PDB file of N, CA and C in Angstrom:
ATOM      1  N   MET A   1       0.845  -1.179   0.000  1.00  0.00           N
ATOM      2  CA  MET A   1       0.000   0.000   0.000  1.00  0.00           C
ATOM      3  C   MET A   1       0.888   1.239   0.000  1.00  0.00           C
ATOM      4  N   SER A   2       0.574   2.199  -0.833  1.00  0.00           N
ATOM      5  CA  SER A   2       1.353   3.429  -0.928  1.00  0.00           C
ATOM      6  C   SER A   2       0.963   4.386   0.183  1.00  0.00           C
ATOM      7  N   ARG A   3       1.979   5.036   0.752  1.00  0.00           N
ATOM      8  CA  ARG A   3       1.725   6.019   1.805  1.00  0.00           C
ATOM      9  C   ARG A   3       1.540   7.412   1.227  1.00  0.00           C
ATOM     10  N   ASN A   4       1.653   7.568  -0.113  1.00  0.00           N
ATOM     11  CA  ASN A   4       1.633   8.882  -0.746  1.00  0.00           C
ATOM     12  C   ASN A   4       0.226   9.385  -1.065  1.00  0.00           C
ATOM     13  N   ASN A   5      -0.785   8.535  -0.998  1.00  0.00           N
ATOM     14  CA  ASN A   5      -2.150   8.929  -1.321  1.00  0.00           C
ATOM     15  C   ASN A   5      -2.252   9.572  -2.696  1.00  0.00           C
ATOM     16  N   GLY A   6      -1.544   9.015  -3.674  1.00  0.00           N
ATOM     17  CA  GLY A   6      -1.623   9.515  -5.034  1.00  0.00           C
ATOM     18  C   GLY A   6      -0.695  10.661  -5.358  1.00  0.00           C
ATOM     19  N   HIS A   7       0.045  11.161  -4.406  1.00  0.00           N
ATOM     20  CA  HIS A   7       0.977  12.259  -4.629  1.00  0.00           C
ATOM     21  C   HIS A   7       2.354  11.710  -4.949  1.00  0.00           C
ATOM     22  N   SER A   8       3.074  12.405  -5.825  1.00  0.00           N
ATOM     23  CA  SER A   8       4.466  12.020  -6.067  1.00  0.00           C
ATOM     24  C   SER A   8       5.297  12.394  -4.853  1.00  0.00           C
ATOM     25  N   ARG A   9       6.493  11.844  -4.764  1.00  0.00           N
ATOM     26  CA  ARG A   9       7.375  12.194  -3.641  1.00  0.00           C
ATOM     27  C   ARG A   9       7.665  13.687  -3.630  1.00  0.00           C
ATOM     28  N   HIS A  10       7.877  14.246  -4.821  1.00  0.00           N
ATOM     29  CA  HIS A  10       8.151  15.681  -4.907  1.00  0.00           C
ATOM     30  C   HIS A  10       6.950  16.486  -4.408  1.00  0.00           C
ATOM     31  N   ASP A  11       5.728  16.058  -4.793  1.00  0.00           N
ATOM     32  CA  ASP A  11       4.525  16.747  -4.320  1.00  0.00           C
ATOM     33  C   ASP A  11       4.434  16.718  -2.800  1.00  0.00           C
ATOM     34  N   LEU A  12       4.716  15.553  -2.199  1.00  0.00           N
ATOM     35  CA  LEU A  12       4.671  15.448  -0.736  1.00  0.00           C
ATOM     36  C   LEU A  12       5.675  16.378  -0.092  1.00  0.00           C
ATOM     37  N   TRP A  13       6.879  16.448  -0.661  1.00  0.00           N
ATOM     38  CA  TRP A  13       7.927  17.331  -0.139  1.00  0.00           C
ATOM     39  C   TRP A  13       7.443  18.772  -0.171  1.00  0.00           C
ATOM     40  N   GLU A  14       6.864  19.199  -1.303  1.00  0.00           N
ATOM     41  CA  GLU A  14       6.379  20.575  -1.435  1.00  0.00           C
ATOM     42  C   GLU A  14       5.185  20.850  -0.529  1.00  0.00           C
ATOM     43  N   ILE A  15       4.265  19.900  -0.422  1.00  0.00           N
ATOM     44  CA  ILE A  15       3.113  20.064   0.470  1.00  0.00           C
ATOM     45  C   ILE A  15       3.586  20.265   1.905  1.00  0.00           C
ATOM     46  N   ALA A  16       4.495  19.436   2.345  1.00  0.00           N
ATOM     47  CA  ALA A  16       4.996  19.522   3.714  1.00  0.00           C
ATOM     48  C   ALA A  16       5.740  20.829   3.941  1.00  0.00           C
ATOM     49  N   LEU A  17       6.480  21.292   2.943  1.00  0.00           N
ATOM     50  CA  LEU A  17       7.267  22.512   3.104  1.00  0.00           C
ATOM     51  C   LEU A  17       6.403  23.760   3.148  1.00  0.00           C
ATOM     52  N   THR A  18       5.212  23.706   2.586  1.00  0.00           N
ATOM     53  CA  THR A  18       4.370  24.892   2.559  1.00  0.00           C
ATOM     54  C   THR A  18       3.315  24.879   3.660  1.00  0.00           C
ATOM     55  N   GLY A  19       3.283  23.835   4.486  1.00  0.00           N
ATOM     56  CA  GLY A  19       2.306  23.753   5.569  1.00  0.00           C
ATOM     57  C   GLY A  19       2.663  24.674   6.721  1.00  0.00           C
ATOM     58  N   SER A  20       1.718  24.849   7.623  1.00  0.00           N
ATOM     59  CA  SER A  20       1.955  25.650   8.820  1.00  0.00           C
ATOM     60  C   SER A  20       2.453  24.748   9.940  1.00  0.00           C
ATOM     61  N   PHE A  21       3.569  25.087  10.507  1.00  0.00           N
ATOM     62  CA  PHE A  21       4.156  24.307  11.578  1.00  0.00           C
ATOM     63  C   PHE A  21       4.437  25.221  12.761  1.00  0.00           C
ATOM     64  N   SER A  22       4.380  24.646  13.933  1.00  0.00           N
ATOM     65  CA  SER A  22       4.774  25.373  15.127  1.00  0.00           C
ATOM     66  C   SER A  22       6.281  25.600  15.098  1.00  0.00           C
ATOM     67  N   ARG A  23       6.757  26.643  15.738  1.00  0.00           N
ATOM     68  CA  ARG A  23       8.182  26.968  15.745  1.00  0.00           C
ATOM     69  C   ARG A  23       8.956  26.238  16.837  1.00  0.00           C
ATOM     70  N   ASP A  24       8.305  25.540  17.704  1.00  0.00           N
ATOM     71  CA  ASP A  24       8.964  24.805  18.771  1.00  0.00           C
ATOM     72  C   ASP A  24       9.883  23.737  18.174  1.00  0.00           C
ATOM     73  N   ASN A  25      11.088  23.584  18.760  1.00  0.00           N
ATOM     74  CA  ASN A  25      12.062  22.628  18.214  1.00  0.00           C
ATOM     75  C   ASN A  25      11.510  21.206  18.125  1.00  0.00           C
ATOM     76  N   LEU A  26      10.775  20.761  19.123  1.00  0.00           N
ATOM     77  CA  LEU A  26      10.247  19.401  19.065  1.00  0.00           C
ATOM     78  C   LEU A  26       9.195  19.252  17.979  1.00  0.00           C
ATOM     79  N   ASP A  27       8.405  20.303  17.746  1.00  0.00           N
ATOM     80  CA  ASP A  27       7.448  20.271  16.643  1.00  0.00           C
ATOM     81  C   ASP A  27       8.177  20.263  15.303  1.00  0.00           C
ATOM     82  N   LEU A  28       9.242  21.058  15.214  1.00  0.00           N
ATOM     83  CA  LEU A  28      10.052  21.058  13.987  1.00  0.00           C
ATOM     84  C   LEU A  28      10.657  19.677  13.760  1.00  0.00           C
ATOM     85  N   ALA A  29      11.131  19.050  14.817  1.00  0.00           N
ATOM     86  CA  ALA A  29      11.708  17.711  14.709  1.00  0.00           C
ATOM     87  C   ALA A  29      10.665  16.714  14.209  1.00  0.00           C
ATOM     88  N   ALA A  30       9.472  16.794  14.739  1.00  0.00           N
ATOM     89  CA  ALA A  30       8.402  15.878  14.321  1.00  0.00           C
ATOM     90  C   ALA A  30       8.030  16.095  12.854  1.00  0.00           C
ATOM     91  N   SER A  31       7.949  17.344  12.445  1.00  0.00           N
ATOM     92  CA  SER A  31       7.629  17.650  11.046  1.00  0.00           C
ATOM     93  C   SER A  31       8.719  17.138  10.116  1.00  0.00           C
ATOM     94  N   ALA A  32       9.965  17.353  10.492  1.00  0.00           N
ATOM     95  CA  ALA A  32      11.076  16.878   9.675  1.00  0.00           C
ATOM     96  C   ALA A  32      11.102  15.354   9.630  1.00  0.00           C
ATOM     97  N   GLN A  33      10.781  14.700  10.737  1.00  0.00           N
ATOM     98  CA  GLN A  33      10.752  13.242  10.758  1.00  0.00           C
ATOM     99  C   GLN A  33       9.667  12.708   9.835  1.00  0.00           C
ATOM    100  N   GLU A  34       8.519  13.368   9.797  1.00  0.00           N
ATOM    101  CA  GLU A  34       7.451  12.951   8.882  1.00  0.00           C
ATOM    102  C   GLU A  34       7.938  13.023   7.439  1.00  0.00           C
ATOM    103  N   LEU A  35       8.672  14.078   7.113  1.00  0.00           N
ATOM    104  CA  LEU A  35       9.227  14.203   5.766  1.00  0.00           C
ATOM    105  C   LEU A  35      10.237  13.094   5.492  1.00  0.00           C
ATOM    106  N   ALA A  36      11.069  12.810   6.451  1.00  0.00           N
ATOM    107  CA  ALA A  36      12.067  11.744   6.280  1.00  0.00           C
ATOM    108  C   ALA A  36      11.377  10.401   6.058  1.00  0.00           C
ATOM    109  N   ASP A  37      10.305  10.151   6.782  1.00  0.00           N
ATOM    110  CA  ASP A  37       9.578   8.892   6.638  1.00  0.00           C
ATOM    111  C   ASP A  37       8.980   8.738   5.243  1.00  0.00           C
ATOM    112  N   ARG A  38       8.654   9.845   4.598  1.00  0.00           N
ATOM    113  CA  ARG A  38       8.047   9.815   3.265  1.00  0.00           C
ATOM    114  C   ARG A  38       9.078   9.782   2.140  1.00  0.00           C
ATOM    115  N   ALA A  39      10.286  10.195   2.432  1.00  0.00           N
ATOM    116  CA  ALA A  39      11.325  10.275   1.394  1.00  0.00           C
ATOM    117  C   ALA A  39      11.973   8.905   1.198  1.00  0.00           C
ATOM    118  N   PRO A  40      12.422   8.637  -0.017  1.00  0.00           N
ATOM    119  CA  PRO A  40      13.097   7.355  -0.261  1.00  0.00           C
ATOM    120  C   PRO A  40      14.391   7.255   0.553  1.00  0.00           C
ATOM    121  N   ALA A  41      14.596   6.104   1.169  1.00  0.00           N
ATOM    122  CA  ALA A  41      15.829   5.882   1.941  1.00  0.00           C
ATOM    123  C   ALA A  41      17.029   6.097   1.033  1.00  0.00           C
ATOM    124  N   GLY A  42      18.024   6.787   1.555  1.00  0.00           N
ATOM    125  CA  GLY A  42      19.241   7.046   0.799  1.00  0.00           C
ATOM    126  C   GLY A  42      19.188   8.279  -0.084  1.00  0.00           C
ATOM    127  N   SER A  43      18.030   8.917  -0.183  1.00  0.00           N
ATOM    128  CA  SER A  43      17.907  10.112  -1.023  1.00  0.00           C
ATOM    129  C   SER A  43      18.408  11.347  -0.272  1.00  0.00           C
ATOM    130  N   LEU A  44      18.686  12.383  -1.024  1.00  0.00           N
ATOM    131  CA  LEU A  44      19.100  13.652  -0.429  1.00  0.00           C
ATOM    132  C   LEU A  44      18.004  14.192   0.489  1.00  0.00           C
ATOM    133  N   HIS A  45      16.754  14.104   0.056  1.00  0.00           N
ATOM    134  CA  HIS A  45      15.638  14.596   0.880  1.00  0.00           C
ATOM    135  C   HIS A  45      15.563  13.825   2.198  1.00  0.00           C
ATOM    136  N   HIS A  46      15.783  12.526   2.149  1.00  0.00           N
ATOM    137  CA  HIS A  46      15.759  11.714   3.375  1.00  0.00           C
ATOM    138  C   HIS A  46      16.878  12.130   4.321  1.00  0.00           C
ATOM    139  N   ALA A  47      18.090  12.254   3.775  1.00  0.00           N
ATOM    140  CA  ALA A  47      19.239  12.636   4.608  1.00  0.00           C
ATOM    141  C   ALA A  47      19.035  14.017   5.227  1.00  0.00           C
ATOM    142  N   ALA A  48      18.545  14.960   4.437  1.00  0.00           N
ATOM    143  CA  ALA A  48      18.333  16.319   4.939  1.00  0.00           C
ATOM    144  C   ALA A  48      17.253  16.342   6.018  1.00  0.00           C
ATOM    145  N   ALA A  49      16.143  15.672   5.761  1.00  0.00           N
ATOM    146  CA  ALA A  49      15.041  15.671   6.730  1.00  0.00           C
ATOM    147  C   ALA A  49      15.439  14.967   8.022  1.00  0.00           C
ATOM    148  N   ARG A  50      16.160  13.853   7.928  1.00  0.00           N
ATOM    149  CA  ARG A  50      16.628  13.160   9.139  1.00  0.00           C
ATOM    150  C   ARG A  50      17.590  14.050   9.916  1.00  0.00           C
ATOM    151  N   SER A  51      18.457  14.754   9.210  1.00  0.00           N
ATOM    152  CA  SER A  51      19.407  15.652   9.871  1.00  0.00           C
ATOM    153  C   SER A  51      18.676  16.748  10.626  1.00  0.00           C
ATOM    154  N   VAL A  52      17.658  17.326  10.000  1.00  0.00           N
ATOM    155  CA  VAL A  52      16.878  18.378  10.660  1.00  0.00           C
ATOM    156  C   VAL A  52      16.129  17.796  11.851  1.00  0.00           C
ATOM    157  N   ALA A  53      15.536  16.625  11.688  1.00  0.00           N
ATOM    158  CA  ALA A  53      14.784  16.009  12.781  1.00  0.00           C
ATOM    159  C   ALA A  53      15.674  15.751  13.986  1.00  0.00           C
ATOM    160  N   ILE A  54      16.810  15.150  13.761  1.00  0.00           N
ATOM    161  CA  ILE A  54      17.722  14.834  14.864  1.00  0.00           C
ATOM    162  C   ILE A  54      18.260  16.106  15.512  1.00  0.00           C
ATOM    163  N   THR A  55      18.638  17.062  14.680  1.00  0.00           N
ATOM    164  CA  THR A  55      19.187  18.319  15.199  1.00  0.00           C
ATOM    165  C   THR A  55      18.158  19.062  16.042  1.00  0.00           C
ATOM    166  N   CYS A  56      16.946  19.177  15.529  1.00  0.00           N
ATOM    167  CA  CYS A  56      15.914  19.908  16.281  1.00  0.00           C
ATOM    168  C   CYS A  56      15.534  19.186  17.572  1.00  0.00           C
ATOM    169  N   ALA A  57      15.591  17.868  17.553  1.00  0.00           N
ATOM    170  CA  ALA A  57      15.245  17.100  18.752  1.00  0.00           C
ATOM    171  C   ALA A  57      16.323  17.179  19.825  1.00  0.00           C
ATOM    172  N   THR A  58      17.514  17.592  19.445  1.00  0.00           N
ATOM    173  CA  THR A  58      18.626  17.567  20.401  1.00  0.00           C
ATOM    174  C   THR A  58      19.229  18.942  20.676  1.00  0.00           C
ATOM    175  N   THR A  59      18.557  19.994  20.241  1.00  0.00           N
ATOM    176  CA  THR A  59      19.042  21.351  20.513  1.00  0.00           C
ATOM    177  C   THR A  59      17.973  22.136  21.261  1.00  0.00           C
ATOM    178  N   ARG A  60      18.411  23.189  21.951  1.00  0.00           N
ATOM    179  CA  ARG A  60      17.512  23.967  22.812  1.00  0.00           C
ATOM    180  C   ARG A  60      16.558  24.865  22.041  1.00  0.00           C
ATOM    181  N   ASP A  61      17.048  25.479  20.954  1.00  0.00           N
ATOM    182  CA  ASP A  61      16.233  26.462  20.253  1.00  0.00           C
ATOM    183  C   ASP A  61      16.635  26.523  18.786  1.00  0.00           C
ATOM    184  N   ALA A  62      15.922  27.348  18.032  1.00  0.00           N
ATOM    185  CA  ALA A  62      16.159  27.454  16.590  1.00  0.00           C
ATOM    186  C   ALA A  62      17.561  27.962  16.281  1.00  0.00           C
ATOM    187  N   ASP A  63      18.069  28.892  17.063  1.00  0.00           N
ATOM    188  CA  ASP A  63      19.416  29.416  16.816  1.00  0.00           C
ATOM    189  C   ASP A  63      20.465  28.323  16.969  1.00  0.00           C
ATOM    190  N   GLN A  64      20.355  27.528  18.015  1.00  0.00           N
ATOM    191  CA  GLN A  64      21.312  26.449  18.222  1.00  0.00           C
ATOM    192  C   GLN A  64      21.166  25.383  17.130  1.00  0.00           C
ATOM    193  N   ALA A  65      19.942  25.103  16.722  1.00  0.00           N
ATOM    194  CA  ALA A  65      19.722  24.131  15.652  1.00  0.00           C
ATOM    195  C   ALA A  65      20.357  24.616  14.351  1.00  0.00           C
ATOM    196  N   ARG A  66      20.157  25.887  14.031  1.00  0.00           N
ATOM    197  CA  ARG A  66      20.723  26.453  12.784  1.00  0.00           C
ATOM    198  C   ARG A  66      22.241  26.375  12.820  1.00  0.00           C
ATOM    199  N   THR A  67      22.833  26.728  13.933  1.00  0.00           N
ATOM    200  CA  THR A  67      24.291  26.678  14.072  1.00  0.00           C
ATOM    201  C   THR A  67      24.796  25.247  13.887  1.00  0.00           C
ATOM    202  N   THR A  68      24.101  24.301  14.480  1.00  0.00           N
ATOM    203  CA  THR A  68      24.482  22.897  14.349  1.00  0.00           C
ATOM    204  C   THR A  68      24.366  22.443  12.895  1.00  0.00           C
ATOM    205  N   LEU A  69      23.268  22.795  12.240  1.00  0.00           N
ATOM    206  CA  LEU A  69      23.078  22.408  10.838  1.00  0.00           C
ATOM    207  C   LEU A  69      24.133  23.034   9.925  1.00  0.00           C
ATOM    208  N   ASP A  70      24.632  24.199  10.287  1.00  0.00           N
ATOM    209  CA  ASP A  70      25.696  24.846   9.504  1.00  0.00           C
ATOM    210  C   ASP A  70      26.960  23.993   9.433  1.00  0.00           C
ATOM    211  N   GLY A  71      27.127  23.065  10.375  1.00  0.00           N
ATOM    212  CA  GLY A  71      28.318  22.230  10.410  1.00  0.00           C
ATOM    213  C   GLY A  71      28.164  20.870   9.735  1.00  0.00           C
ATOM    214  N   LEU A  72      27.006  20.612   9.136  1.00  0.00           N
ATOM    215  CA  LEU A  72      26.783  19.315   8.491  1.00  0.00           C
ATOM    216  C   LEU A  72      27.693  19.114   7.287  1.00  0.00           C
ATOM    217  N   THR A  73      28.052  17.871   7.064  1.00  0.00           N
ATOM    218  CA  THR A  73      28.716  17.475   5.835  1.00  0.00           C
ATOM    219  C   THR A  73      28.028  16.205   5.350  1.00  0.00           C
ATOM    220  N   PRO A  74      28.014  15.950   4.077  1.00  0.00           N
ATOM    221  CA  PRO A  74      28.579  16.703   2.966  1.00  0.00           C
ATOM    222  C   PRO A  74      27.766  17.956   2.638  1.00  0.00           C
ATOM    223  N   GLU A  75      28.338  18.770   1.780  1.00  0.00           N
ATOM    224  CA  GLU A  75      27.769  20.074   1.460  1.00  0.00           C
ATOM    225  C   GLU A  75      26.342  19.990   0.912  1.00  0.00           C
ATOM    226  N   ASP A  76      26.053  19.009   0.052  1.00  0.00           N
ATOM    227  CA  ASP A  76      24.705  18.931  -0.529  1.00  0.00           C
ATOM    228  C   ASP A  76      23.659  18.643   0.547  1.00  0.00           C
ATOM    229  N   VAL A  77      24.009  17.822   1.530  1.00  0.00           N
ATOM    230  CA  VAL A  77      23.079  17.542   2.630  1.00  0.00           C
ATOM    231  C   VAL A  77      22.917  18.786   3.493  1.00  0.00           C
ATOM    232  N   ARG A  78      24.026  19.501   3.777  1.00  0.00           N
ATOM    233  CA  ARG A  78      23.946  20.733   4.561  1.00  0.00           C
ATOM    234  C   ARG A  78      23.020  21.741   3.893  1.00  0.00           C
ATOM    235  N   LYS A  79      23.205  21.966   2.604  1.00  0.00           N
ATOM    236  CA  LYS A  79      22.373  22.944   1.895  1.00  0.00           C
ATOM    237  C   LYS A  79      20.895  22.552   1.930  1.00  0.00           C
ATOM    238  N   ALA A  80      20.610  21.279   1.657  1.00  0.00           N
ATOM    239  CA  ALA A  80      19.222  20.805   1.670  1.00  0.00           C
ATOM    240  C   ALA A  80      18.624  20.883   3.075  1.00  0.00           C
ATOM    241  N   ALA A  81      19.404  20.536   4.089  1.00  0.00           N
ATOM    242  CA  ALA A  81      18.918  20.578   5.469  1.00  0.00           C
ATOM    243  C   ALA A  81      18.649  22.017   5.906  1.00  0.00           C
ATOM    244  N   LEU A  82      19.535  22.925   5.560  1.00  0.00           N
ATOM    245  CA  LEU A  82      19.328  24.333   5.925  1.00  0.00           C
ATOM    246  C   LEU A  82      18.101  24.907   5.218  1.00  0.00           C
ATOM    247  N   GLU A  83      17.917  24.556   3.949  1.00  0.00           N
ATOM    248  CA  GLU A  83      16.736  25.021   3.221  1.00  0.00           C
ATOM    249  C   GLU A  83      15.464  24.486   3.869  1.00  0.00           C
ATOM    250  N   LEU A  84      15.461  23.211   4.201  1.00  0.00           N
ATOM    251  CA  LEU A  84      14.307  22.610   4.858  1.00  0.00           C
ATOM    252  C   LEU A  84      14.057  23.254   6.218  1.00  0.00           C
ATOM    253  N   PHE A  85      15.105  23.414   7.008  1.00  0.00           N
ATOM    254  CA  PHE A  85      14.967  24.033   8.327  1.00  0.00           C
ATOM    255  C   PHE A  85      14.393  25.442   8.199  1.00  0.00           C
ATOM    256  N   ASP A  86      14.907  26.215   7.259  1.00  0.00           N
ATOM    257  CA  ASP A  86      14.420  27.586   7.072  1.00  0.00           C
ATOM    258  C   ASP A  86      12.939  27.594   6.701  1.00  0.00           C
ATOM    259  N   ARG A  87      12.543  26.673   5.850  1.00  0.00           N
ATOM    260  CA  ARG A  87      11.118  26.614   5.455  1.00  0.00           C
ATOM    261  C   ARG A  87      10.233  26.165   6.607  1.00  0.00           C
ATOM    262  N   LEU A  88      10.665  25.163   7.344  1.00  0.00           N
ATOM    263  CA  LEU A  88       9.858  24.687   8.460  1.00  0.00           C
ATOM    264  C   LEU A  88       9.754  25.703   9.591  1.00  0.00           C
ATOM    265  N   SER A  89      10.818  26.442   9.814  1.00  0.00           N
ATOM    266  CA  SER A  89      10.828  27.380  10.942  1.00  0.00           C
ATOM    267  C   SER A  89      10.349  28.773  10.568  1.00  0.00           C
ATOM    268  N   ALA A  90      10.061  29.012   9.307  1.00  0.00           N
ATOM    269  CA  ALA A  90       9.579  30.337   8.876  1.00  0.00           C
ATOM    270  C   ALA A  90       8.160  30.574   9.391  1.00  0.00           C
ATOM    271  N   ALA A  91       7.887  31.820   9.663  1.00  0.00           N
ATOM    272  CA  ALA A  91       6.545  32.198  10.099  1.00  0.00           C
ATOM    273  C   ALA A  91       5.574  31.950   8.934  1.00  0.00           C
ATOM    274  N   PRO A  92       4.423  31.343   9.213  1.00  0.00           N
ATOM    275  CA  PRO A  92       3.445  31.106   8.142  1.00  0.00           C
ATOM    276  C   PRO A  92       2.946  32.422   7.581  1.00  0.00           C
ATOM    277  N   GLU A  93       2.686  32.402   6.269  1.00  0.00           N
ATOM    278  CA  GLU A  93       2.163  33.607   5.616  1.00  0.00           C
ATOM    279  C   GLU A  93       0.717  33.809   6.026  1.00  0.00           C
ATOM    280  N   SER A  94       0.332  35.074   6.158  1.00  0.00           N
ATOM    281  CA  SER A  94      -1.049  35.372   6.561  1.00  0.00           C
ATOM    282  C   SER A  94      -1.972  35.381   5.382  1.00  0.00           C
TER     283      SER A  94
END
């Protein structure tokens, strides 16, 4: 059974990135984990989402999480993780 409900993986990624999320680190971690669960294992999206989930679950606040994510390697995972973190932690549009 597909967990995508008819959506492509890319569609799910975009849907999740444009949703409204709480700014709390644990909420950010949960949102990122949901994305990781939907992404194909071994993909850049999976690695980035898992990195954000783990980082947010183990840091005190958004500033500390961002600083930690700045140190990720390899570079492609760092860039994807920072982009995801910025989207998840951004204030929802009114």
